[in-house]
Amino acid sequence: DDAATGPQERSRASIAGTTRIVGLCTIACKLTGLMREVLLASLFGIGPVMDAFAYACVLPAYFQTVLGGINGPFHTAMLISVKKKKKAEDVKHLIESLSSWVLVPATAVAA
């Protein structure tokens, strides 16, 4: 009977320990975020300069989300296209052309 309940109890303890670690990391993340916001408010104050700084931080993250970030749709499509290419020269040409197509809109948005 002890052998049957042993693995279940260890599994529950493992889940509880993992939950505790995730909870503590979440609390630490929220506290450091609060400290960052307090520090930025003390440096920039509240107004147009702080708004510009906030937008400068948010816009790159937004475009990363739109493109899907790592393992997103853009990244996956790129990997599939590269995998189909047999020659290194073809891969180089593909990467250069895609980089150009991404650079043009990014430059337009930045300007």
C-alpha atoms as a PDB file:
ATOM      1  CA  ASP A   1       0.000   0.000   0.000  1.00  0.00           C
ATOM      2  CA  ASP A   2       2.909   2.380   0.730  1.00  0.00           C
ATOM      3  CA  ALA A   3       4.439   1.695  -2.665  1.00  0.00           C
ATOM      4  CA  ALA A   4       1.205   2.730  -4.432  1.00  0.00           C
ATOM      5  CA  THR A   5       0.873   6.072  -2.629  1.00  0.00           C
ATOM      6  CA  GLY A   6       4.577   6.964  -2.660  1.00  0.00           C
ATOM      7  CA  PRO A   7       4.836   8.156  -6.287  1.00  0.00           C
ATOM      8  CA  GLN A   8       1.581  10.125  -5.999  1.00  0.00           C
ATOM      9  CA  GLU A   9       2.782  11.917  -2.886  1.00  0.00           C
ATOM     10  CA  ARG A  10       6.121  12.709  -4.530  1.00  0.00           C
ATOM     11  CA  SER A  11       4.279  14.008  -7.582  1.00  0.00           C
ATOM     12  CA  ARG A  12       2.102  16.276  -5.429  1.00  0.00           C
ATOM     13  CA  ALA A  13       5.172  17.542  -3.571  1.00  0.00           C
ATOM     14  CA  SER A  14       6.901  18.198  -6.881  1.00  0.00           C
ATOM     15  CA  ILE A  15       3.898  20.114  -8.241  1.00  0.00           C
ATOM     16  CA  ALA A  16       3.632  22.102  -5.007  1.00  0.00           C
ATOM     17  CA  GLY A  17       7.352  22.929  -5.105  1.00  0.00           C
ATOM     18  CA  THR A  18       7.164  23.993  -8.731  1.00  0.00           C
ATOM     19  CA  THR A  19       4.086  26.114  -8.020  1.00  0.00           C
ATOM     20  CA  ARG A  20       5.910  27.763  -5.104  1.00  0.00           C
ATOM     21  CA  ILE A  21       8.916  28.597  -7.302  1.00  0.00           C
ATOM     22  CA  VAL A  22       6.730  30.029 -10.084  1.00  0.00           C
ATOM     23  CA  GLY A  23       4.781  32.074  -7.532  1.00  0.00           C
ATOM     24  CA  LEU A  24       7.941  33.477  -5.944  1.00  0.00           C
ATOM     25  CA  CYS A  25       9.413  34.342  -9.344  1.00  0.00           C
ATOM     26  CA  THR A  26       6.165  36.071 -10.318  1.00  0.00           C
ATOM     27  CA  ILE A  27       6.212  38.145  -7.135  1.00  0.00           C
ATOM     28  CA  ALA A  28       9.878  39.037  -7.719  1.00  0.00           C
ATOM     29  CA  CYS A  29       9.065  40.042 -11.309  1.00  0.00           C
ATOM     30  CA  LYS A  30       6.192  42.273 -10.198  1.00  0.00           C
ATOM     31  CA  LEU A  31       8.318  43.927  -7.497  1.00  0.00           C
ATOM     32  CA  THR A  32      11.204  44.642  -9.867  1.00  0.00           C
ATOM     33  CA  GLY A  33       8.704  46.021 -12.405  1.00  0.00           C
ATOM     34  CA  LEU A  34       7.322  48.333  -9.733  1.00  0.00           C
ATOM     35  CA  MET A  35      10.837  49.469  -8.825  1.00  0.00           C
ATOM     36  CA  ARG A  36      11.558  50.116 -12.531  1.00  0.00           C
ATOM     37  CA  GLU A  37       8.427  52.242 -12.888  1.00  0.00           C
ATOM     38  CA  VAL A  38       9.244  54.236  -9.739  1.00  0.00           C
ATOM     39  CA  LEU A  39      12.808  54.792 -10.966  1.00  0.00           C
ATOM     40  CA  LEU A  40      11.637  55.909 -14.414  1.00  0.00           C
ATOM     41  CA  ALA A  41       9.049  58.245 -12.910  1.00  0.00           C
ATOM     42  CA  SER A  42      11.729  59.794 -10.704  1.00  0.00           C
ATOM     43  CA  LEU A  43      14.110  60.216 -13.677  1.00  0.00           C
ATOM     44  CA  PHE A  44      11.694  61.466 -16.348  1.00  0.00           C
ATOM     45  CA  GLY A  45       8.736  62.715 -14.349  1.00  0.00           C
ATOM     46  CA  ILE A  46       5.245  62.363 -15.722  1.00  0.00           C
ATOM     47  CA  GLY A  47       4.693  64.007 -19.078  1.00  0.00           C
ATOM     48  CA  PRO A  48       5.606  63.885 -22.739  1.00  0.00           C
ATOM     49  CA  VAL A  49       9.205  62.746 -22.172  1.00  0.00           C
ATOM     50  CA  MET A  50       8.051  59.716 -20.192  1.00  0.00           C
ATOM     51  CA  ASP A  51       5.385  58.987 -22.797  1.00  0.00           C
ATOM     52  CA  ALA A  52       8.019  59.072 -25.560  1.00  0.00           C
ATOM     53  CA  PHE A  53      10.255  56.745 -23.565  1.00  0.00           C
ATOM     54  CA  ALA A  54       7.367  54.334 -22.969  1.00  0.00           C
ATOM     55  CA  TYR A  55       6.481  54.259 -26.673  1.00  0.00           C
ATOM     56  CA  ALA A  56      10.143  53.726 -27.561  1.00  0.00           C
ATOM     57  CA  CYS A  57      10.118  50.642 -25.342  1.00  0.00           C
ATOM     58  CA  VAL A  58       6.716  49.314 -26.438  1.00  0.00           C
ATOM     59  CA  LEU A  59       6.993  49.651 -30.237  1.00  0.00           C
ATOM     60  CA  PRO A  60       9.861  47.168 -30.770  1.00  0.00           C
ATOM     61  CA  ALA A  61       8.086  44.613 -28.579  1.00  0.00           C
ATOM     62  CA  TYR A  62       4.904  45.162 -30.568  1.00  0.00           C
ATOM     63  CA  PHE A  63       6.646  44.482 -33.877  1.00  0.00           C
ATOM     64  CA  GLN A  64       8.278  41.397 -32.411  1.00  0.00           C
ATOM     65  CA  THR A  65       4.826  40.175 -31.409  1.00  0.00           C
ATOM     66  CA  VAL A  66       3.416  40.959 -34.859  1.00  0.00           C
ATOM     67  CA  LEU A  67       6.201  38.995 -36.522  1.00  0.00           C
ATOM     68  CA  GLY A  68       5.715  36.202 -34.021  1.00  0.00           C
ATOM     69  CA  GLY A  69       9.054  36.377 -32.297  1.00  0.00           C
ATOM     70  CA  ILE A  70      11.088  33.219 -32.065  1.00  0.00           C
ATOM     71  CA  ASN A  71       9.134  30.143 -33.160  1.00  0.00           C
ATOM     72  CA  GLY A  72       6.378  32.363 -34.515  1.00  0.00           C
ATOM     73  CA  PRO A  73       4.905  32.220 -37.993  1.00  0.00           C
ATOM     74  CA  PHE A  74       7.628  34.351 -39.630  1.00  0.00           C
ATOM     75  CA  HIS A  75      10.413  32.344 -38.021  1.00  0.00           C
ATOM     76  CA  THR A  76       8.779  29.016 -38.919  1.00  0.00           C
ATOM     77  CA  ALA A  77       8.217  30.055 -42.528  1.00  0.00           C
ATOM     78  CA  MET A  78      11.832  31.173 -42.767  1.00  0.00           C
ATOM     79  CA  LEU A  79      13.111  27.858 -41.405  1.00  0.00           C
ATOM     80  CA  ILE A  80      10.966  25.872 -43.825  1.00  0.00           C
ATOM     81  CA  SER A  81      12.137  27.982 -46.779  1.00  0.00           C
ATOM     82  CA  VAL A  82      15.790  27.655 -45.778  1.00  0.00           C
ATOM     83  CA  LYS A  83      15.439  23.905 -45.272  1.00  0.00           C
ATOM     84  CA  LYS A  84      14.090  23.495 -48.832  1.00  0.00           C
ATOM     85  CA  LYS A  85      17.090  25.294 -50.331  1.00  0.00           C
ATOM     86  CA  LYS A  86      19.913  22.968 -51.333  1.00  0.00           C
ATOM     87  CA  LYS A  87      22.707  25.443 -52.060  1.00  0.00           C
ATOM     88  CA  ALA A  88      24.254  27.906 -49.628  1.00  0.00           C
ATOM     89  CA  GLU A  89      24.052  30.611 -52.302  1.00  0.00           C
ATOM     90  CA  ASP A  90      20.260  30.152 -52.539  1.00  0.00           C
ATOM     91  CA  VAL A  91      19.937  30.463 -48.770  1.00  0.00           C
ATOM     92  CA  LYS A  92      22.064  33.621 -48.788  1.00  0.00           C
ATOM     93  CA  HIS A  93      19.906  35.159 -51.525  1.00  0.00           C
ATOM     94  CA  LEU A  94      16.692  34.271 -49.633  1.00  0.00           C
ATOM     95  CA  ILE A  95      17.929  35.802 -46.376  1.00  0.00           C
ATOM     96  CA  GLU A  96      19.145  38.964 -48.116  1.00  0.00           C
ATOM     97  CA  SER A  97      15.851  39.494 -49.945  1.00  0.00           C
ATOM     98  CA  LEU A  98      13.732  38.845 -46.844  1.00  0.00           C
ATOM     99  CA  SER A  99      15.938  41.135 -44.773  1.00  0.00           C
ATOM    100  CA  SER A 100      15.396  43.880 -47.328  1.00  0.00           C
ATOM    101  CA  TRP A 101      11.628  43.386 -47.254  1.00  0.00           C
ATOM    102  CA  VAL A 102      11.602  43.621 -43.460  1.00  0.00           C
ATOM    103  CA  LEU A 103      14.039  46.552 -43.306  1.00  0.00           C
ATOM    104  CA  VAL A 104      12.035  48.839 -45.612  1.00  0.00           C
ATOM    105  CA  PRO A 105       8.795  48.887 -43.536  1.00  0.00           C
ATOM    106  CA  ALA A 106      10.761  49.025 -40.277  1.00  0.00           C
ATOM    107  CA  THR A 107      12.660  52.068 -41.536  1.00  0.00           C
ATOM    108  CA  ALA A 108       9.423  53.717 -42.646  1.00  0.00           C
ATOM    109  CA  VAL A 109       7.882  53.171 -39.218  1.00  0.00           C
ATOM    110  CA  ALA A 110      10.988  54.425 -37.436  1.00  0.00           C
ATOM    111  CA  ALA A 111      11.153  57.605 -39.524  1.00  0.00           C
END
